[in-house]
């Protein structure tokens, strides 16, 4: 089946409010009329302001993380209900920076996945290996463990609300990137895991993004691979003139 390409911008802990609003305005103009799926995930404090700029456009508002619990006595946390209230449609979960900087484990990430689904939010579930994993040849095994753990208890019907982002940790923010062939090999493996866990039909339908330093220079070659359905973009999403070309390649 033909899968719609999906380009998601993860702004991480960057920008001030004026810059966030200006970037959102620029992207609304630049992406007008393009036919792929687009999402941007600003820092929590700018979500509302950015939503006011993109709410009538073809850009979806995403959040970079969320709590595994409902509203209540959870100091510093942001719930799915709060995110939905200000226009968020999807949430990035299990990003390597959450796993390795904030020590989030697979059990917690799985709880967040279920909390998001319970509240009708779409999910981008991130998986990926460290350089040490790649060196010893266990990339696909690590990704399979993270997929199985992250999706534990998720039904095939619910899987329709989930995209997977493969992000080799050694390629995030380093300027390094997997070759299109290396990335394709892992994406094909991810799809085969979904086929074993669910069905060939589910595997064919699921969107799998590449999240390792995709930029305007390598996006076209990466997006041409049969199992790479888009990109989870970090640094290149922080400027309209570097994010827009990736979105244009995805729209072809």
Protein backbone atom coordinates (compact mmCIF):
# COMPACT_ATOMS: atom_id res chain seq x y z
CA UNK A 1 0.00 0.00 0.00
CA UNK A 2 1.07 3.59 -0.54
CA UNK A 3 1.91 5.23 2.78
CA UNK A 4 1.69 9.00 3.16
CA UNK A 5 5.10 10.48 3.93
CA UNK A 6 5.36 12.09 7.37
CA UNK A 7 7.84 14.79 8.39
CA UNK A 8 7.95 15.75 12.06
CA UNK A 9 10.02 18.59 13.51
CA UNK A 10 11.27 18.11 17.08
CA UNK A 11 12.39 21.53 18.28
CA UNK A 12 13.75 20.10 21.55
CA UNK A 13 14.83 22.73 24.14
CA UNK A 14 15.35 25.56 21.69
CA UNK A 15 13.79 28.87 20.68
CA UNK A 16 12.19 31.78 22.48
CA UNK A 17 8.52 32.64 22.10
CA UNK A 18 9.03 35.20 19.35
CA UNK A 19 11.24 32.81 17.41
CA UNK A 20 8.78 29.94 17.83
CA UNK A 21 5.89 32.03 16.53
CA UNK A 22 7.93 33.36 13.63
CA UNK A 23 9.05 29.87 12.62
CA UNK A 24 5.50 28.57 12.81
CA UNK A 25 4.26 31.44 10.61
CA UNK A 26 7.00 30.77 8.08
CA UNK A 27 6.23 27.07 7.91
CA UNK A 28 2.51 27.67 7.47
CA UNK A 29 3.32 29.76 4.40
CA UNK A 30 6.04 27.44 3.04
CA UNK A 31 4.10 24.19 3.43
CA UNK A 32 0.82 25.50 2.05
CA UNK A 33 -0.41 23.16 -0.66
CA UNK A 34 2.09 20.37 0.05
CA UNK A 35 0.52 16.94 0.33
CA UNK A 36 2.54 14.96 2.89
CA UNK A 37 1.84 14.88 6.64
CA UNK A 38 3.63 17.51 8.75
CA UNK A 39 4.05 17.94 12.50
CA UNK A 40 6.04 20.31 14.69
CA UNK A 41 6.77 19.79 18.39
CA UNK A 42 7.80 23.01 20.17
CA UNK A 43 8.80 23.18 23.84
CA UNK A 44 5.83 22.88 26.21
CA UNK A 45 5.81 26.59 27.09
CA UNK A 46 5.32 27.64 23.45
CA UNK A 47 2.74 25.04 22.41
CA UNK A 48 -0.26 27.33 22.85
CA UNK A 49 1.33 30.25 21.01
CA UNK A 50 2.41 28.03 18.13
CA UNK A 51 -1.03 26.43 17.90
CA UNK A 52 -2.60 29.84 17.30
CA UNK A 53 -0.41 30.16 14.19
CA UNK A 54 -0.90 26.67 12.72
CA UNK A 55 -4.46 25.73 13.73
CA UNK A 56 -5.94 26.42 10.29
CA UNK A 57 -3.02 24.95 8.34
CA UNK A 58 -1.84 21.51 7.21
CA UNK A 59 0.60 21.31 10.14
CA UNK A 60 -0.17 19.17 13.20
CA UNK A 61 0.85 20.30 16.69
CA UNK A 62 2.93 17.75 18.58
CA UNK A 63 4.41 17.55 22.07
CA UNK A 64 7.91 16.31 22.85
CA UNK A 65 6.85 14.16 25.80
CA UNK A 66 4.03 13.73 28.33
CA UNK A 67 3.34 12.23 31.72
CA UNK A 68 2.41 8.59 32.19
CA UNK A 69 -0.29 9.62 34.64
CA UNK A 70 -3.48 11.68 34.71
CA UNK A 71 -3.90 15.15 36.18
CA UNK A 72 -3.06 15.33 39.89
CA UNK A 73 -0.20 15.68 42.35
CA UNK A 74 2.67 15.26 39.87
CA UNK A 75 4.91 18.32 40.20
CA UNK A 76 6.49 19.39 36.93
CA UNK A 77 4.51 16.95 34.79
CA UNK A 78 2.25 17.69 31.82
CA UNK A 79 -0.71 15.39 31.16
CA UNK A 80 -2.33 14.20 27.96
CA UNK A 81 -5.52 16.06 28.93
CA UNK A 82 -3.59 19.34 29.24
CA UNK A 83 -1.92 18.81 25.88
CA UNK A 84 -5.20 18.08 24.11
CA UNK A 85 -6.71 21.18 25.67
CA UNK A 86 -4.30 23.42 23.76
CA UNK A 87 -4.52 21.68 20.40
CA UNK A 88 -1.88 18.94 20.59
CA UNK A 89 -2.73 15.97 18.36
CA UNK A 90 0.34 13.77 18.73
CA UNK A 91 3.16 13.14 21.18
CA UNK A 92 6.75 11.94 20.80
CA UNK A 93 7.53 9.16 23.29
CA UNK A 94 10.70 7.22 24.07
CA UNK A 95 13.07 9.66 22.40
CA UNK A 96 16.66 8.64 23.06
CA UNK A 97 17.26 11.86 24.99
CA UNK A 98 14.42 10.85 27.33
CA UNK A 99 15.84 7.33 27.61
CA UNK A 100 19.48 8.27 28.19
CA UNK A 101 19.38 11.75 29.76
CA UNK A 102 16.29 11.22 31.92
CA UNK A 103 16.64 7.45 32.44
CA UNK A 104 13.22 6.54 31.12
CA UNK A 105 12.90 2.77 30.78
CA UNK A 106 10.74 0.68 28.47
CA UNK A 107 8.12 0.10 31.18
CA UNK A 108 7.58 3.83 31.70
CA UNK A 109 7.51 4.49 27.97
CA UNK A 110 4.88 1.79 27.52
CA UNK A 111 2.75 3.40 30.26
CA UNK A 112 2.99 6.71 28.40
CA UNK A 113 1.96 5.03 25.14
CA UNK A 114 -1.18 3.65 26.79
CA UNK A 115 -1.96 6.98 28.48
CA UNK A 116 -1.67 8.77 25.11
CA UNK A 117 -3.89 6.24 23.35
CA UNK A 118 -6.45 6.37 26.15
CA UNK A 119 -6.70 10.11 25.54
CA UNK A 120 -6.92 9.78 21.75
CA UNK A 121 -3.47 11.21 21.03
CA UNK A 122 -1.36 9.88 18.19
CA UNK A 123 2.10 8.63 19.14
CA UNK A 124 5.55 8.74 17.56
CA UNK A 125 7.39 5.93 19.36
CA UNK A 126 11.15 6.30 19.15
CA UNK A 127 13.58 3.40 19.09
CA UNK A 128 17.27 3.13 18.28
CA UNK A 129 20.69 1.82 19.20
CA UNK A 130 23.85 3.29 20.69
CA UNK A 131 27.11 3.19 18.74
CA UNK A 132 28.28 0.38 21.01
CA UNK A 133 25.27 -1.70 19.97
CA UNK A 134 26.02 -1.16 16.30
CA UNK A 135 29.68 -2.05 16.74
CA UNK A 136 28.82 -5.46 18.22
CA UNK A 137 26.06 -6.08 15.68
CA UNK A 138 22.95 -6.03 17.86
CA UNK A 139 21.16 -3.03 16.30
CA UNK A 140 18.13 -5.00 15.13
CA UNK A 141 17.86 -6.90 18.41
CA UNK A 142 17.89 -3.67 20.46
CA UNK A 143 15.23 -2.14 18.21
CA UNK A 144 13.06 -5.25 18.49
CA UNK A 145 13.27 -5.20 22.30
CA UNK A 146 12.24 -1.53 22.35
CA UNK A 147 9.36 -2.15 19.93
CA UNK A 148 8.04 -5.15 21.84
CA UNK A 149 8.28 -3.34 25.17
CA UNK A 150 6.88 -0.04 23.90
CA UNK A 151 3.90 -1.71 22.23
CA UNK A 152 3.12 -4.26 24.92
CA UNK A 153 -0.66 -4.43 25.37
CA UNK A 154 -1.34 -2.26 22.29
CA UNK A 155 -3.95 -3.77 19.98
CA UNK A 156 -3.73 -3.86 16.20
CA UNK A 157 -6.60 -1.39 16.05
CA UNK A 158 -4.70 1.01 18.34
CA UNK A 159 -1.55 0.57 16.27
CA UNK A 160 -3.19 2.73 13.60
CA UNK A 161 -2.50 5.74 15.87
CA UNK A 162 1.21 4.94 16.24
CA UNK A 163 4.20 5.75 14.06
CA UNK A 164 7.68 4.44 14.83
CA UNK A 165 10.79 6.59 14.54
CA UNK A 166 14.10 4.78 14.15
CA UNK A 167 16.81 7.04 15.49
CA UNK A 168 20.35 5.66 15.68
CA UNK A 169 21.53 7.44 18.83
CA UNK A 170 25.05 7.88 17.43
CA UNK A 171 23.60 9.98 14.59
CA UNK A 172 21.54 12.44 16.64
CA UNK A 173 23.00 15.92 16.67
CA UNK A 174 26.39 14.60 15.59
CA UNK A 175 26.19 15.39 11.89
CA UNK A 176 26.67 11.65 11.25
CA UNK A 177 23.91 9.74 9.55
CA UNK A 178 23.26 6.19 8.50
CA UNK A 179 23.58 5.66 4.78
CA UNK A 180 20.24 5.25 3.01
CA UNK A 181 21.03 1.54 2.68
CA UNK A 182 21.87 1.16 6.39
CA UNK A 183 18.73 3.01 7.42
CA UNK A 184 16.59 1.00 4.99
CA UNK A 185 17.93 -2.27 6.42
CA UNK A 186 16.81 -1.34 9.94
CA UNK A 187 13.47 0.05 8.76
CA UNK A 188 12.77 -3.21 6.92
CA UNK A 189 13.64 -5.11 10.11
CA UNK A 190 11.26 -2.92 12.12
CA UNK A 191 8.48 -3.63 9.66
CA UNK A 192 9.14 -7.37 9.93
CA UNK A 193 8.88 -7.14 13.74
CA UNK A 194 5.47 -5.47 13.39
CA UNK A 195 4.40 -8.23 11.00
CA UNK A 196 5.35 -10.88 13.57
CA UNK A 197 3.71 -9.03 16.47
CA UNK A 198 0.52 -8.11 14.60
CA UNK A 199 0.03 -8.97 10.94
CA UNK A 200 1.52 -8.33 7.49
CA UNK A 201 -1.33 -5.87 6.89
CA UNK A 202 -0.41 -3.88 10.02
CA UNK A 203 3.25 -3.93 9.06
CA UNK A 204 2.46 -2.63 5.59
CA UNK A 205 0.32 0.17 7.00
CA UNK A 206 2.56 1.48 9.80
CA UNK A 207 4.61 4.63 9.19
CA UNK A 208 8.31 4.33 10.07
CA UNK A 209 10.33 7.55 10.26
CA UNK A 210 14.10 7.99 10.18
CA UNK A 211 15.43 10.18 12.97
CA UNK A 212 19.20 10.42 12.65
CA UNK A 213 20.33 13.84 11.38
CA UNK A 214 18.12 13.94 8.30
CA UNK A 215 18.64 17.22 6.47
CA UNK A 216 18.05 18.87 3.12
CA UNK A 217 21.20 17.25 1.74
CA UNK A 218 20.34 13.63 2.49
CA UNK A 219 16.54 13.64 2.79
CA UNK A 220 15.77 12.85 -0.83
CA UNK A 221 17.96 9.71 -0.85
CA UNK A 222 16.65 8.54 2.51
CA UNK A 223 13.01 9.14 1.60
CA UNK A 224 13.47 7.19 -1.64
CA UNK A 225 14.01 3.98 0.34
CA UNK A 226 10.95 1.69 0.29
CA UNK A 227 10.57 1.38 4.07
CA UNK A 228 11.50 4.95 5.08
CA UNK A 229 8.22 6.82 5.32
CA UNK A 230 9.46 10.19 6.56
CA UNK A 231 11.70 11.83 9.10
CA UNK A 232 11.80 12.92 12.72
CA UNK A 233 13.90 16.05 12.30
CA UNK A 234 15.90 17.76 15.02
CA UNK A 235 18.37 20.51 14.16
CA UNK A 236 17.12 20.99 10.61
CA UNK A 237 13.61 21.72 11.92
CA UNK A 238 14.70 24.92 13.68
CA UNK A 239 14.78 27.05 10.54
CA UNK A 240 12.15 27.30 7.84
CA UNK A 241 14.73 27.24 5.06
CA UNK A 242 16.25 23.95 6.26
CA UNK A 243 13.00 22.20 7.23
CA UNK A 244 10.99 23.18 4.16
CA UNK A 245 13.11 21.28 1.58
CA UNK A 246 12.68 18.04 3.55
CA UNK A 247 8.93 18.60 3.57
CA UNK A 248 9.00 19.26 -0.17
CA UNK A 249 10.89 16.03 -0.87
CA UNK A 250 8.27 14.16 1.17
CA UNK A 251 5.49 15.71 -0.88
CA UNK A 252 6.80 14.42 -4.21
